[in-house]
Amino acid sequence: MLHHRTLNLVDEYCPHLEHLIITIKGWEDLLAAPLRIPPVKRLGLLYDESYGPSGLGGFSDLFDWLAGCSVSPSTTAVRVLGETHVRKLRSLLVMGHHAGIGQVSNRSYRFEDYEGNLFRPP
């Protein structure tokens, strides 16, 4: 689980950090801690498959967490890392399940896949 203290240490001791990858064992774990993300250029979110597969519904937890986080204006992109989750999210968007994407579409950063392609409803 992410802790404010950990990210505060990153912010304090790594003031010139440009890229930060957060590994998550479950999208729902994110909801326990809306955070202030250190000022980084790119934030990567990696779901660790070794904890088991995530359900397709887990993306609503991701969008809720992103909506509740304080992301620095210097952050230009938030990326979903991992091919499996990128495919799942793209499938949801194609099927018309894209209500959560609206929570991040008006933010100051781009919401992208691991290759830098923008997520958006078709």
Protein backbone atom coordinates (compact mmCIF):
# COMPACT_ATOMS: atom_id res chain seq x y z
CA MET A 1 0.00 0.00 0.00
CA LEU A 2 1.22 3.52 -0.76
CA HIS A 3 1.92 5.80 2.14
CA HIS A 4 2.15 9.57 2.31
CA ARG A 5 5.41 9.23 4.25
CA THR A 6 7.06 7.26 1.46
CA LEU A 7 6.12 9.76 -1.22
CA ASN A 8 7.16 12.64 1.05
CA LEU A 9 10.61 11.05 1.32
CA VAL A 10 10.79 10.71 -2.46
CA ASP A 11 9.81 14.37 -2.78
CA GLU A 12 12.36 15.48 -0.16
CA TYR A 13 15.36 13.40 -1.22
CA CYS A 14 14.81 13.23 -4.98
CA PRO A 15 13.87 16.79 -5.96
CA HIS A 16 14.98 16.34 -9.57
CA LEU A 17 13.23 13.03 -10.17
CA GLU A 18 11.53 13.04 -13.57
CA HIS A 19 9.95 9.59 -13.78
CA LEU A 20 8.22 7.64 -11.02
CA ILE A 21 6.72 4.16 -11.37
CA ILE A 22 4.33 2.94 -8.69
CA THR A 23 3.76 -0.81 -8.59
CA ILE A 24 0.31 -1.77 -7.33
CA LYS A 25 -0.95 -5.13 -6.15
CA GLY A 26 -4.59 -4.17 -6.66
CA TRP A 27 -6.31 -1.12 -8.14
CA GLU A 28 -8.62 -1.07 -5.11
CA ASP A 29 -5.56 -0.56 -2.87
CA LEU A 30 -5.17 2.86 -4.43
CA LEU A 31 -8.43 4.10 -2.95
CA ALA A 32 -7.11 3.73 0.58
CA ALA A 33 -4.71 6.60 0.01
CA PRO A 34 -5.46 9.61 -2.19
CA LEU A 35 -2.02 11.14 -2.38
CA ARG A 36 -0.01 14.14 -3.35
CA ILE A 37 2.25 12.80 -6.07
CA PRO A 38 5.79 14.26 -6.06
CA PRO A 39 6.48 16.65 -8.94
CA VAL A 40 7.60 14.31 -11.68
CA LYS A 41 7.36 14.62 -15.43
CA ARG A 42 5.87 11.15 -15.94
CA LEU A 43 4.05 8.88 -13.52
CA GLY A 44 3.80 5.18 -14.37
CA LEU A 45 1.27 2.84 -12.75
CA LEU A 46 2.10 -0.85 -12.96
CA TYR A 47 -0.33 -3.51 -11.77
CA ASP A 48 1.71 -6.44 -10.46
CA GLU A 49 0.17 -9.54 -12.04
CA SER A 50 1.94 -11.81 -9.53
CA TYR A 51 -0.79 -10.90 -7.02
CA GLY A 52 -3.42 -12.26 -9.39
CA PRO A 53 -5.41 -10.87 -12.30
CA SER A 54 -7.49 -7.75 -11.86
CA GLY A 55 -11.10 -7.60 -12.86
CA LEU A 56 -12.18 -5.27 -15.59
CA GLY A 57 -14.12 -3.22 -13.05
CA GLY A 58 -10.92 -2.30 -11.24
CA PHE A 59 -10.35 0.59 -13.59
CA SER A 60 -13.10 2.59 -11.90
CA ASP A 61 -10.93 2.42 -8.75
CA LEU A 62 -7.99 3.71 -10.78
CA PHE A 63 -9.99 6.63 -12.17
CA ASP A 64 -11.42 7.48 -8.73
CA TRP A 65 -7.89 7.47 -7.27
CA LEU A 66 -6.52 9.69 -10.03
CA ALA A 67 -9.41 12.11 -9.57
CA GLY A 68 -8.63 12.33 -5.83
CA CYS A 69 -4.85 12.69 -6.15
CA SER A 70 -2.99 15.94 -6.18
CA VAL A 71 -0.82 15.69 -9.28
CA SER A 72 1.79 18.39 -9.85
CA PRO A 73 1.31 20.73 -12.83
CA SER A 74 4.79 19.60 -13.94
CA THR A 75 3.42 16.09 -14.58
CA THR A 76 2.82 15.79 -18.30
CA ALA A 77 1.72 12.15 -18.45
CA VAL A 78 0.27 9.37 -16.34
CA ARG A 79 0.88 6.01 -17.98
CA VAL A 80 -0.71 2.62 -17.44
CA LEU A 81 2.19 0.17 -17.71
CA GLY A 82 1.81 -3.45 -18.65
CA GLU A 83 0.38 -4.79 -21.86
CA THR A 84 -2.38 -6.83 -20.19
CA HIS A 85 -3.96 -3.83 -18.50
CA VAL A 86 -3.59 -1.60 -21.51
CA ARG A 87 -5.46 -4.22 -23.57
CA LYS A 88 -8.17 -4.53 -20.90
CA LEU A 89 -8.66 -0.78 -20.71
CA ARG A 90 -8.77 -0.43 -24.51
CA SER A 91 -11.37 -3.24 -24.65
CA LEU A 92 -13.53 -1.43 -22.12
CA LEU A 93 -13.33 1.78 -24.11
CA VAL A 94 -14.29 -0.01 -27.34
CA MET A 95 -17.26 -1.65 -25.58
CA GLY A 96 -18.47 1.79 -24.51
CA HIS A 97 -17.50 1.57 -20.84
CA HIS A 98 -15.69 4.86 -20.59
CA ALA A 99 -17.42 6.86 -17.87
CA GLY A 100 -14.28 6.88 -15.72
CA ILE A 101 -12.06 8.28 -18.45
CA GLY A 102 -13.92 11.57 -18.14
CA GLN A 103 -12.49 11.98 -14.64
CA VAL A 104 -8.98 12.27 -16.06
CA SER A 105 -9.61 13.75 -19.50
CA ASN A 106 -9.76 17.32 -18.18
CA ARG A 107 -6.60 17.09 -16.08
CA SER A 108 -3.35 18.89 -16.88
CA TYR A 109 -1.62 15.63 -17.84
CA ARG A 110 -2.17 13.11 -20.62
CA PHE A 111 -3.53 9.68 -19.65
CA GLU A 112 -1.53 7.25 -21.77
CA ASP A 113 -0.57 3.65 -22.36
CA TYR A 114 3.00 2.44 -21.91
CA GLU A 115 3.92 3.60 -25.43
CA GLY A 116 2.62 7.13 -24.93
CA ASN A 117 -0.65 6.65 -26.86
CA LEU A 118 -3.51 8.69 -25.42
CA PHE A 119 -6.45 6.79 -23.93
CA ARG A 120 -9.76 8.19 -25.13
CA PRO A 121 -13.16 6.85 -26.01
CA PRO A 122 -13.48 5.76 -29.65
